Amino acid sequence: MPRPIPGPFDAARNGPQPGPRGTGARLTEVRCAVCGTESRQARFRPFPPEGAPDLDLRPGEPLRSTMASWLQQCPHCSYVAPEIAHAHPAAIEAVGTAPFRALIVDTAHPPLARRFLGYAYVLEETGALHAAAEATLQAAWAADDARKPDLARAWRGDAVALWRAGPPLDAEQTVRVVDALRRAEAFEDAGVTAEQLAASQPPEAVAGVIALELRLIALRDSGRHTVASALPPPARRPHATHGSIAKRSQGGGWWDRLRRLWRRDR
């Protein structure tokens, strides 16, 4: 069994305790599915954000600032997942490998990003390439917050590679690929991908976002932009685009919610 790796873990407490303030999480006793170690972990409960999501669907505030609670990590073997009480057989093997250990201890990377990269590696080893792309993109979000633009660009490129290596992408997922490429300053690839998607007569909401992406690409704009820039003004209801951190985006689920929640009130 791998030796423990120090990390920013919660100290043991007696009885159920609130998690970090404002995170929608509570501390509970959890047994790691990889090594059997028991530890106090924050169990995240997502709640609807009030602000618009970014074009890559990073949620708005206040959910945006709760990333530190999205994943649990075992203090002994460093297995990382939304719920470490469960593990795919391939994930158990992945945690003991040298690449996983190297990702977890790489001090050149922000600590939160290391967790998402570790989770991405585990997912990739289980064959869940699109889910691994999501986790890698979330590592890029952590790099954005840590003001590490070079790392953020690199991890967006890695996320795109994982998306493309997995099953065929639908229109909604392709929009996120375009945004990741643009944010990574791969403007030529982003432009070609966006034009191909625009020519495929995608759904209205997708067409609106891809039109904005094409304008941003033409301007060589690699900055953050929100869905509010491309879709109609929001209704008075909160914006829900992040129903489950652990569940990968499939079909049009998130985009269906965007269409429902960002349509004009009648």
C-alpha atoms as a PDB file:
ATOM      1  CA  MET A   1       0.000   0.000   0.000  1.00  0.00           C
ATOM      2  CA  PRO A   2       1.365   3.492  -0.875  1.00  0.00           C
ATOM      3  CA  ARG A   3       2.690   5.548   1.991  1.00  0.00           C
ATOM      4  CA  PRO A   4       0.591   8.486   3.188  1.00  0.00           C
ATOM      5  CA  ILE A   5       1.150  11.816   1.459  1.00  0.00           C
ATOM      6  CA  PRO A   6       0.671  14.995   3.514  1.00  0.00           C
ATOM      7  CA  GLY A   7      -2.089  17.251   2.307  1.00  0.00           C
ATOM      8  CA  PRO A   8      -4.671  19.847   3.405  1.00  0.00           C
ATOM      9  CA  PHE A   9      -7.097  17.428   5.065  1.00  0.00           C
ATOM     10  CA  ASP A  10      -9.684  18.154   7.728  1.00  0.00           C
ATOM     11  CA  ALA A  11      -8.796  17.217  11.294  1.00  0.00           C
ATOM     12  CA  ALA A  12     -10.959  14.574  12.948  1.00  0.00           C
ATOM     13  CA  ARG A  13     -13.894  15.868  14.934  1.00  0.00           C
ATOM     14  CA  ASN A  14     -16.513  14.209  17.116  1.00  0.00           C
ATOM     15  CA  GLY A  15     -19.887  13.837  15.420  1.00  0.00           C
ATOM     16  CA  PRO A  16     -21.167  15.395  12.173  1.00  0.00           C
ATOM     17  CA  GLN A  17     -19.792  18.906  11.608  1.00  0.00           C
ATOM     18  CA  PRO A  18     -20.443  21.657   9.094  1.00  0.00           C
ATOM     19  CA  GLY A  19     -17.977  21.767   6.227  1.00  0.00           C
ATOM     20  CA  PRO A  20     -16.168  24.940   5.123  1.00  0.00           C
ATOM     21  CA  ARG A  21     -18.459  27.913   5.480  1.00  0.00           C
ATOM     22  CA  GLY A  22     -20.578  28.637   2.423  1.00  0.00           C
ATOM     23  CA  THR A  23     -19.666  25.411   0.601  1.00  0.00           C
ATOM     24  CA  GLY A  24     -22.908  23.475   1.002  1.00  0.00           C
ATOM     25  CA  ALA A  25     -20.909  20.612   2.557  1.00  0.00           C
ATOM     26  CA  ARG A  26     -20.920  18.718   5.856  1.00  0.00           C
ATOM     27  CA  LEU A  27     -18.172  16.611   7.387  1.00  0.00           C
ATOM     28  CA  THR A  28     -18.949  12.907   7.729  1.00  0.00           C
ATOM     29  CA  GLU A  29     -16.941   9.792   8.554  1.00  0.00           C
ATOM     30  CA  VAL A  30     -15.908   8.039   5.329  1.00  0.00           C
ATOM     31  CA  ARG A  31     -13.988   4.798   4.719  1.00  0.00           C
ATOM     32  CA  CYS A  32     -11.675   4.959   1.692  1.00  0.00           C
ATOM     33  CA  ALA A  33     -12.563   2.312  -0.900  1.00  0.00           C
ATOM     34  CA  VAL A  34      -8.894   1.962  -1.885  1.00  0.00           C
ATOM     35  CA  CYS A  35      -7.040   1.576   1.420  1.00  0.00           C
ATOM     36  CA  GLY A  36      -9.801   1.338   4.058  1.00  0.00           C
ATOM     37  CA  THR A  37      -8.650   4.383   6.026  1.00  0.00           C
ATOM     38  CA  GLU A  38     -11.437   6.274   7.812  1.00  0.00           C
ATOM     39  CA  SER A  39     -11.403  10.056   7.756  1.00  0.00           C
ATOM     40  CA  ARG A  40     -13.655  13.061   8.088  1.00  0.00           C
ATOM     41  CA  GLN A  41     -14.653  14.304   4.650  1.00  0.00           C
ATOM     42  CA  ALA A  42     -16.845  17.106   3.357  1.00  0.00           C
ATOM     43  CA  ARG A  43     -19.826  15.722   1.473  1.00  0.00           C
ATOM     44  CA  PHE A  44     -20.672  18.332  -1.101  1.00  0.00           C
ATOM     45  CA  ARG A  45     -24.264  19.245  -1.864  1.00  0.00           C
ATOM     46  CA  PRO A  46     -24.448  21.506  -4.928  1.00  0.00           C
ATOM     47  CA  PHE A  47     -26.859  24.414  -4.922  1.00  0.00           C
ATOM     48  CA  PRO A  48     -28.008  26.673  -7.770  1.00  0.00           C
ATOM     49  CA  PRO A  49     -25.626  29.528  -8.587  1.00  0.00           C
ATOM     50  CA  GLU A  50     -27.045  33.019  -8.881  1.00  0.00           C
ATOM     51  CA  GLY A  51     -24.635  34.251 -11.541  1.00  0.00           C
ATOM     52  CA  ALA A  52     -24.342  33.173 -15.155  1.00  0.00           C
ATOM     53  CA  PRO A  53     -21.874  30.396 -15.991  1.00  0.00           C
ATOM     54  CA  ASP A  54     -18.831  30.897 -18.177  1.00  0.00           C
ATOM     55  CA  LEU A  55     -18.964  29.712 -21.771  1.00  0.00           C
ATOM     56  CA  ASP A  56     -17.235  26.488 -20.662  1.00  0.00           C
ATOM     57  CA  LEU A  57     -20.041  26.103 -18.077  1.00  0.00           C
ATOM     58  CA  ARG A  58     -18.005  26.888 -14.996  1.00  0.00           C
ATOM     59  CA  PRO A  59     -20.864  27.924 -12.683  1.00  0.00           C
ATOM     60  CA  GLY A  60     -21.402  31.421 -11.406  1.00  0.00           C
ATOM     61  CA  GLU A  61     -21.183  32.545  -7.798  1.00  0.00           C
ATOM     62  CA  PRO A  62     -21.658  31.487  -5.096  1.00  0.00           C
ATOM     63  CA  LEU A  63     -21.193  27.923  -6.388  1.00  0.00           C
ATOM     64  CA  ARG A  64     -18.122  29.035  -8.329  1.00  0.00           C
ATOM     65  CA  SER A  65     -16.099  29.490  -5.147  1.00  0.00           C
ATOM     66  CA  THR A  66     -16.853  26.069  -3.653  1.00  0.00           C
ATOM     67  CA  MET A  67     -14.434  24.043  -5.799  1.00  0.00           C
ATOM     68  CA  ALA A  68     -12.369  23.024  -2.775  1.00  0.00           C
ATOM     69  CA  SER A  69     -15.361  20.943  -1.595  1.00  0.00           C
ATOM     70  CA  TRP A  70     -16.135  19.174  -4.871  1.00  0.00           C
ATOM     71  CA  LEU A  71     -13.717  16.302  -4.285  1.00  0.00           C
ATOM     72  CA  GLN A  72     -12.766  14.181  -1.288  1.00  0.00           C
ATOM     73  CA  GLN A  73      -9.203  12.922  -0.769  1.00  0.00           C
ATOM     74  CA  CYS A  74      -7.987  10.104   1.436  1.00  0.00           C
ATOM     75  CA  PRO A  75      -5.295  11.291   3.896  1.00  0.00           C
ATOM     76  CA  HIS A  76      -3.498   7.924   3.653  1.00  0.00           C
ATOM     77  CA  CYS A  77      -3.369   6.773   0.016  1.00  0.00           C
ATOM     78  CA  SER A  78      -4.447  10.107  -1.568  1.00  0.00           C
ATOM     79  CA  TYR A  79      -7.265   8.539  -3.595  1.00  0.00           C
ATOM     80  CA  VAL A  80      -9.404  11.412  -4.820  1.00  0.00           C
ATOM     81  CA  ALA A  81     -13.014  11.339  -6.035  1.00  0.00           C
ATOM     82  CA  PRO A  82     -16.334  13.054  -5.318  1.00  0.00           C
ATOM     83  CA  GLU A  83     -16.993  10.175  -2.873  1.00  0.00           C
ATOM     84  CA  ILE A  84     -13.931   8.136  -1.888  1.00  0.00           C
ATOM     85  CA  ALA A  85     -16.136   5.435  -0.340  1.00  0.00           C
ATOM     86  CA  HIS A  86     -16.558   4.111  -3.888  1.00  0.00           C
ATOM     87  CA  ALA A  87     -13.899   3.092  -6.409  1.00  0.00           C
ATOM     88  CA  HIS A  88     -13.797   1.376  -9.779  1.00  0.00           C
ATOM     89  CA  PRO A  89     -11.379  -1.612  -9.753  1.00  0.00           C
ATOM     90  CA  ALA A  90      -9.159   0.206 -12.245  1.00  0.00           C
ATOM     91  CA  ALA A  91      -9.124   3.247  -9.966  1.00  0.00           C
ATOM     92  CA  ILE A  92      -7.731   1.149  -7.112  1.00  0.00           C
ATOM     93  CA  GLU A  93      -4.845   0.095  -9.332  1.00  0.00           C
ATOM     94  CA  ALA A  94      -4.304   3.640 -10.634  1.00  0.00           C
ATOM     95  CA  VAL A  95      -3.809   5.098  -7.139  1.00  0.00           C
ATOM     96  CA  GLY A  96      -0.737   2.899  -6.602  1.00  0.00           C
ATOM     97  CA  THR A  97       1.016   3.962  -9.807  1.00  0.00           C
ATOM     98  CA  ALA A  98       3.977   6.305 -10.102  1.00  0.00           C
ATOM     99  CA  PRO A  99       2.175   8.803 -12.400  1.00  0.00           C
ATOM    100  CA  PHE A 100      -0.630   9.255  -9.880  1.00  0.00           C
ATOM    101  CA  ARG A 101       1.824   9.757  -7.026  1.00  0.00           C
ATOM    102  CA  ALA A 102       3.800  12.262  -9.078  1.00  0.00           C
ATOM    103  CA  LEU A 103       0.677  14.314  -9.824  1.00  0.00           C
ATOM    104  CA  ILE A 104      -0.339  14.433  -6.169  1.00  0.00           C
ATOM    105  CA  VAL A 105       3.041  15.639  -4.872  1.00  0.00           C
ATOM    106  CA  ASP A 106       3.975  18.072  -7.675  1.00  0.00           C
ATOM    107  CA  THR A 107       4.468  21.314  -5.751  1.00  0.00           C
ATOM    108  CA  ALA A 108       4.760  23.271  -9.002  1.00  0.00           C
ATOM    109  CA  HIS A 109       1.002  22.921  -9.326  1.00  0.00           C
ATOM    110  CA  PRO A 110      -1.643  24.563  -7.096  1.00  0.00           C
ATOM    111  CA  PRO A 111      -2.831  22.094  -4.416  1.00  0.00           C
ATOM    112  CA  LEU A 112      -6.457  22.202  -5.558  1.00  0.00           C
ATOM    113  CA  ALA A 113      -5.449  21.628  -9.176  1.00  0.00           C
ATOM    114  CA  ARG A 114      -3.475  18.552  -8.095  1.00  0.00           C
ATOM    115  CA  ARG A 115      -6.646  17.026  -6.708  1.00  0.00           C
ATOM    116  CA  PHE A 116      -8.523  17.508  -9.955  1.00  0.00           C
ATOM    117  CA  LEU A 117      -5.575  16.205 -11.975  1.00  0.00           C
ATOM    118  CA  GLY A 118      -5.372  13.150  -9.722  1.00  0.00           C
ATOM    119  CA  TYR A 119      -9.073  12.528 -10.231  1.00  0.00           C
ATOM    120  CA  ALA A 120      -8.653  13.010 -13.990  1.00  0.00           C
ATOM    121  CA  TYR A 121      -5.863  10.433 -14.040  1.00  0.00           C
ATOM    122  CA  VAL A 122      -8.004   7.915 -12.171  1.00  0.00           C
ATOM    123  CA  LEU A 123     -10.902   8.510 -14.564  1.00  0.00           C
ATOM    124  CA  GLU A 124      -8.666   8.139 -17.602  1.00  0.00           C
ATOM    125  CA  GLU A 125      -7.356   4.832 -16.291  1.00  0.00           C
ATOM    126  CA  THR A 126     -10.949   3.583 -15.945  1.00  0.00           C
ATOM    127  CA  GLY A 127     -11.646   4.544 -19.558  1.00  0.00           C
ATOM    128  CA  ALA A 128     -13.978   7.456 -18.729  1.00  0.00           C
ATOM    129  CA  LEU A 129     -12.245   9.888 -21.082  1.00  0.00           C
ATOM    130  CA  HIS A 130     -14.944  12.545 -21.253  1.00  0.00           C
ATOM    131  CA  ALA A 131     -15.229  12.597 -17.466  1.00  0.00           C
ATOM    132  CA  ALA A 132     -11.428  12.861 -17.287  1.00  0.00           C
ATOM    133  CA  ALA A 133     -11.656  15.849 -19.634  1.00  0.00           C
ATOM    134  CA  GLU A 134     -14.149  17.501 -17.263  1.00  0.00           C
ATOM    135  CA  ALA A 135     -11.821  17.006 -14.290  1.00  0.00           C
ATOM    136  CA  THR A 136      -8.846  18.323 -16.271  1.00  0.00           C
ATOM    137  CA  LEU A 137     -10.831  21.405 -17.242  1.00  0.00           C
ATOM    138  CA  GLN A 138     -11.647  21.908 -13.564  1.00  0.00           C
ATOM    139  CA  ALA A 139      -7.912  21.783 -12.831  1.00  0.00           C
ATOM    140  CA  ALA A 140      -7.589  24.621 -15.354  1.00  0.00           C
ATOM    141  CA  TRP A 141     -10.249  26.562 -13.420  1.00  0.00           C
ATOM    142  CA  ALA A 142      -8.188  26.080 -10.264  1.00  0.00           C
ATOM    143  CA  ALA A 143      -5.133  27.360 -12.135  1.00  0.00           C
ATOM    144  CA  ASP A 144      -7.137  30.412 -13.261  1.00  0.00           C
ATOM    145  CA  ASP A 145      -7.963  31.171  -9.630  1.00  0.00           C
ATOM    146  CA  ALA A 146      -4.318  30.673  -8.607  1.00  0.00           C
ATOM    147  CA  ARG A 147      -3.191  33.092 -11.356  1.00  0.00           C
ATOM    148  CA  LYS A 148      -1.260  30.400 -13.234  1.00  0.00           C
ATOM    149  CA  PRO A 149      -2.217  31.166 -16.858  1.00  0.00           C
ATOM    150  CA  ASP A 150       0.421  28.909 -18.419  1.00  0.00           C
ATOM    151  CA  LEU A 151      -0.866  25.906 -16.471  1.00  0.00           C
ATOM    152  CA  ALA A 152      -4.474  26.814 -17.242  1.00  0.00           C
ATOM    153  CA  ARG A 153      -3.736  26.929 -20.968  1.00  0.00           C
ATOM    154  CA  ALA A 154      -1.871  23.618 -20.877  1.00  0.00           C
ATOM    155  CA  TRP A 155      -4.631  21.826 -18.965  1.00  0.00           C
ATOM    156  CA  ARG A 156      -7.319  23.161 -21.296  1.00  0.00           C
ATOM    157  CA  GLY A 157      -5.320  21.651 -24.142  1.00  0.00           C
ATOM    158  CA  ASP A 158      -5.128  18.359 -22.243  1.00  0.00           C
ATOM    159  CA  ALA A 159      -8.890  18.458 -21.660  1.00  0.00           C
ATOM    160  CA  VAL A 160      -9.499  18.900 -25.388  1.00  0.00           C
ATOM    161  CA  ALA A 161      -7.252  15.917 -26.166  1.00  0.00           C
ATOM    162  CA  LEU A 162      -9.245  13.756 -23.738  1.00  0.00           C
ATOM    163  CA  TRP A 163     -12.595  14.871 -25.157  1.00  0.00           C
ATOM    164  CA  ARG A 164     -11.431  14.071 -28.674  1.00  0.00           C
ATOM    165  CA  ALA A 165      -9.998  10.700 -27.644  1.00  0.00           C
ATOM    166  CA  GLY A 166     -13.328   9.590 -26.206  1.00  0.00           C
ATOM    167  CA  PRO A 167     -16.693   8.836 -27.833  1.00  0.00           C
ATOM    168  CA  PRO A 168     -17.973  11.210 -30.552  1.00  0.00           C
ATOM    169  CA  LEU A 169     -18.871  14.626 -29.187  1.00  0.00           C
ATOM    170  CA  ASP A 170     -22.317  16.132 -29.522  1.00  0.00           C
ATOM    171  CA  ALA A 171     -22.905  19.792 -30.361  1.00  0.00           C
ATOM    172  CA  GLU A 172     -23.044  20.958 -26.747  1.00  0.00           C
ATOM    173  CA  GLN A 173     -19.790  19.242 -25.836  1.00  0.00           C
ATOM    174  CA  THR A 174     -18.129  20.622 -28.971  1.00  0.00           C
ATOM    175  CA  VAL A 175     -18.934  24.164 -27.847  1.00  0.00           C
ATOM    176  CA  ARG A 176     -16.927  23.498 -24.694  1.00  0.00           C
ATOM    177  CA  VAL A 177     -14.044  22.165 -26.803  1.00  0.00           C
ATOM    178  CA  VAL A 178     -14.115  25.391 -28.832  1.00  0.00           C
ATOM    179  CA  ASP A 179     -14.047  27.500 -25.681  1.00  0.00           C
ATOM    180  CA  ALA A 180     -11.189  25.475 -24.188  1.00  0.00           C
ATOM    181  CA  LEU A 181      -9.181  25.882 -27.400  1.00  0.00           C
ATOM    182  CA  ARG A 182      -9.843  29.623 -27.478  1.00  0.00           C
ATOM    183  CA  ARG A 183      -8.897  30.040 -23.823  1.00  0.00           C
ATOM    184  CA  ALA A 184      -5.727  28.026 -24.532  1.00  0.00           C
ATOM    185  CA  GLU A 185      -4.940  30.449 -27.391  1.00  0.00           C
ATOM    186  CA  ALA A 186      -5.190  27.671 -30.006  1.00  0.00           C
ATOM    187  CA  PHE A 187      -7.129  30.071 -32.203  1.00  0.00           C
ATOM    188  CA  GLU A 188      -6.747  28.265 -35.545  1.00  0.00           C
ATOM    189  CA  ASP A 189      -8.007  24.966 -34.162  1.00  0.00           C
ATOM    190  CA  ALA A 190     -10.779  26.780 -32.288  1.00  0.00           C
ATOM    191  CA  GLY A 191     -11.859  28.605 -35.436  1.00  0.00           C
ATOM    192  CA  VAL A 192     -11.968  25.509 -37.622  1.00  0.00           C
ATOM    193  CA  THR A 193     -13.882  23.556 -34.974  1.00  0.00           C
ATOM    194  CA  ALA A 194     -16.335  26.419 -34.436  1.00  0.00           C
ATOM    195  CA  GLU A 195     -16.976  26.874 -38.151  1.00  0.00           C
ATOM    196  CA  GLN A 196     -17.638  23.159 -38.595  1.00  0.00           C
ATOM    197  CA  LEU A 197     -20.115  23.224 -35.748  1.00  0.00           C
ATOM    198  CA  ALA A 198     -21.827  26.383 -37.053  1.00  0.00           C
ATOM    199  CA  ALA A 199     -22.258  24.731 -40.469  1.00  0.00           C
ATOM    200  CA  SER A 200     -23.996  21.708 -38.907  1.00  0.00           C
ATOM    201  CA  GLN A 201     -27.156  23.682 -38.037  1.00  0.00           C
ATOM    202  CA  PRO A 202     -26.910  23.155 -34.265  1.00  0.00           C
ATOM    203  CA  PRO A 203     -29.717  23.933 -31.784  1.00  0.00           C
ATOM    204  CA  GLU A 204     -30.526  27.607 -31.280  1.00  0.00           C
ATOM    205  CA  ALA A 205     -28.773  27.973 -27.927  1.00  0.00           C
ATOM    206  CA  VAL A 206     -25.631  26.314 -29.290  1.00  0.00           C
ATOM    207  CA  ALA A 207     -25.732  28.502 -32.405  1.00  0.00           C
ATOM    208  CA  GLY A 208     -25.873  31.637 -30.253  1.00  0.00           C
ATOM    209  CA  VAL A 209     -22.873  30.616 -28.191  1.00  0.00           C
ATOM    210  CA  ILE A 210     -20.813  29.466 -31.168  1.00  0.00           C
ATOM    211  CA  ALA A 211     -21.486  32.780 -32.943  1.00  0.00           C
ATOM    212  CA  LEU A 212     -20.018  34.580 -29.945  1.00  0.00           C
ATOM    213  CA  GLU A 213     -17.067  32.189 -29.892  1.00  0.00           C
ATOM    214  CA  LEU A 214     -16.336  32.952 -33.550  1.00  0.00           C
ATOM    215  CA  ARG A 215     -16.332  36.698 -32.837  1.00  0.00           C
ATOM    216  CA  LEU A 216     -13.975  36.214 -29.887  1.00  0.00           C
ATOM    217  CA  ILE A 217     -11.672  33.983 -31.927  1.00  0.00           C
ATOM    218  CA  ALA A 218     -11.475  36.599 -34.692  1.00  0.00           C
ATOM    219  CA  LEU A 219     -10.409  39.143 -32.052  1.00  0.00           C
ATOM    220  CA  ARG A 220      -7.828  36.717 -30.605  1.00  0.00           C
ATOM    221  CA  ASP A 221      -9.650  37.104 -27.287  1.00  0.00           C
ATOM    222  CA  SER A 222      -8.623  34.325 -24.877  1.00  0.00           C
ATOM    223  CA  GLY A 223     -10.425  35.764 -21.878  1.00  0.00           C
ATOM    224  CA  ARG A 224     -13.310  34.566 -19.759  1.00  0.00           C
ATOM    225  CA  HIS A 225     -16.817  35.300 -21.031  1.00  0.00           C
ATOM    226  CA  THR A 226     -20.174  34.191 -19.688  1.00  0.00           C
ATOM    227  CA  VAL A 227     -23.205  32.599 -21.289  1.00  0.00           C
ATOM    228  CA  ALA A 228     -25.060  35.843 -20.573  1.00  0.00           C
ATOM    229  CA  SER A 229     -23.059  37.378 -23.440  1.00  0.00           C
ATOM    230  CA  ALA A 230     -24.551  34.921 -25.930  1.00  0.00           C
ATOM    231  CA  LEU A 231     -28.030  33.991 -24.688  1.00  0.00           C
ATOM    232  CA  PRO A 232     -31.069  36.105 -23.784  1.00  0.00           C
ATOM    233  CA  PRO A 233     -31.076  37.990 -20.462  1.00  0.00           C
ATOM    234  CA  PRO A 234     -31.757  35.841 -17.415  1.00  0.00           C
ATOM    235  CA  ALA A 235     -35.103  35.257 -15.859  1.00  0.00           C
ATOM    236  CA  ARG A 236     -35.461  36.155 -12.208  1.00  0.00           C
ATOM    237  CA  ARG A 237     -34.836  32.540 -11.199  1.00  0.00           C
ATOM    238  CA  PRO A 238     -31.337  31.366 -10.204  1.00  0.00           C
ATOM    239  CA  HIS A 239     -29.109  29.774 -12.811  1.00  0.00           C
ATOM    240  CA  ALA A 240     -28.601  26.010 -12.409  1.00  0.00           C
ATOM    241  CA  THR A 241     -25.903  24.481 -14.609  1.00  0.00           C
ATOM    242  CA  HIS A 242     -23.929  22.342 -12.194  1.00  0.00           C
ATOM    243  CA  GLY A 243     -26.305  19.657 -10.949  1.00  0.00           C
ATOM    244  CA  SER A 244     -23.646  17.089 -10.039  1.00  0.00           C
ATOM    245  CA  ILE A 245     -19.892  17.474  -9.787  1.00  0.00           C
ATOM    246  CA  ALA A 246     -19.344  13.751 -10.138  1.00  0.00           C
ATOM    247  CA  LYS A 247     -21.607  13.268 -13.146  1.00  0.00           C
ATOM    248  CA  ARG A 248     -20.113  14.077 -16.531  1.00  0.00           C
ATOM    249  CA  SER A 249     -21.989  16.325 -18.942  1.00  0.00           C
ATOM    250  CA  GLN A 250     -23.824  14.189 -21.479  1.00  0.00           C
ATOM    251  CA  GLY A 251     -26.365  14.922 -24.166  1.00  0.00           C
ATOM    252  CA  GLY A 252     -27.927  18.349 -23.772  1.00  0.00           C
ATOM    253  CA  GLY A 253     -28.572  18.254 -20.029  1.00  0.00           C
ATOM    254  CA  TRP A 254     -26.750  21.410 -18.978  1.00  0.00           C
ATOM    255  CA  TRP A 255     -27.735  23.199 -22.169  1.00  0.00           C
ATOM    256  CA  ASP A 256     -31.374  22.232 -21.744  1.00  0.00           C
ATOM    257  CA  ARG A 257     -31.225  23.935 -18.350  1.00  0.00           C
ATOM    258  CA  LEU A 258     -29.589  26.972 -19.944  1.00  0.00           C
ATOM    259  CA  ARG A 259     -32.439  27.248 -22.432  1.00  0.00           C
ATOM    260  CA  ARG A 260     -35.058  26.909 -19.688  1.00  0.00           C
ATOM    261  CA  LEU A 261     -33.447  29.267 -17.221  1.00  0.00           C
ATOM    262  CA  TRP A 262     -32.133  31.932 -19.597  1.00  0.00           C
ATOM    263  CA  ARG A 263     -35.271  32.397 -21.695  1.00  0.00           C
ATOM    264  CA  ARG A 264     -37.157  35.651 -21.357  1.00  0.00           C
ATOM    265  CA  ASP A 265     -40.102  35.752 -18.963  1.00  0.00           C
ATOM    266  CA  ARG A 266     -43.390  35.748 -20.812  1.00  0.00           C
END
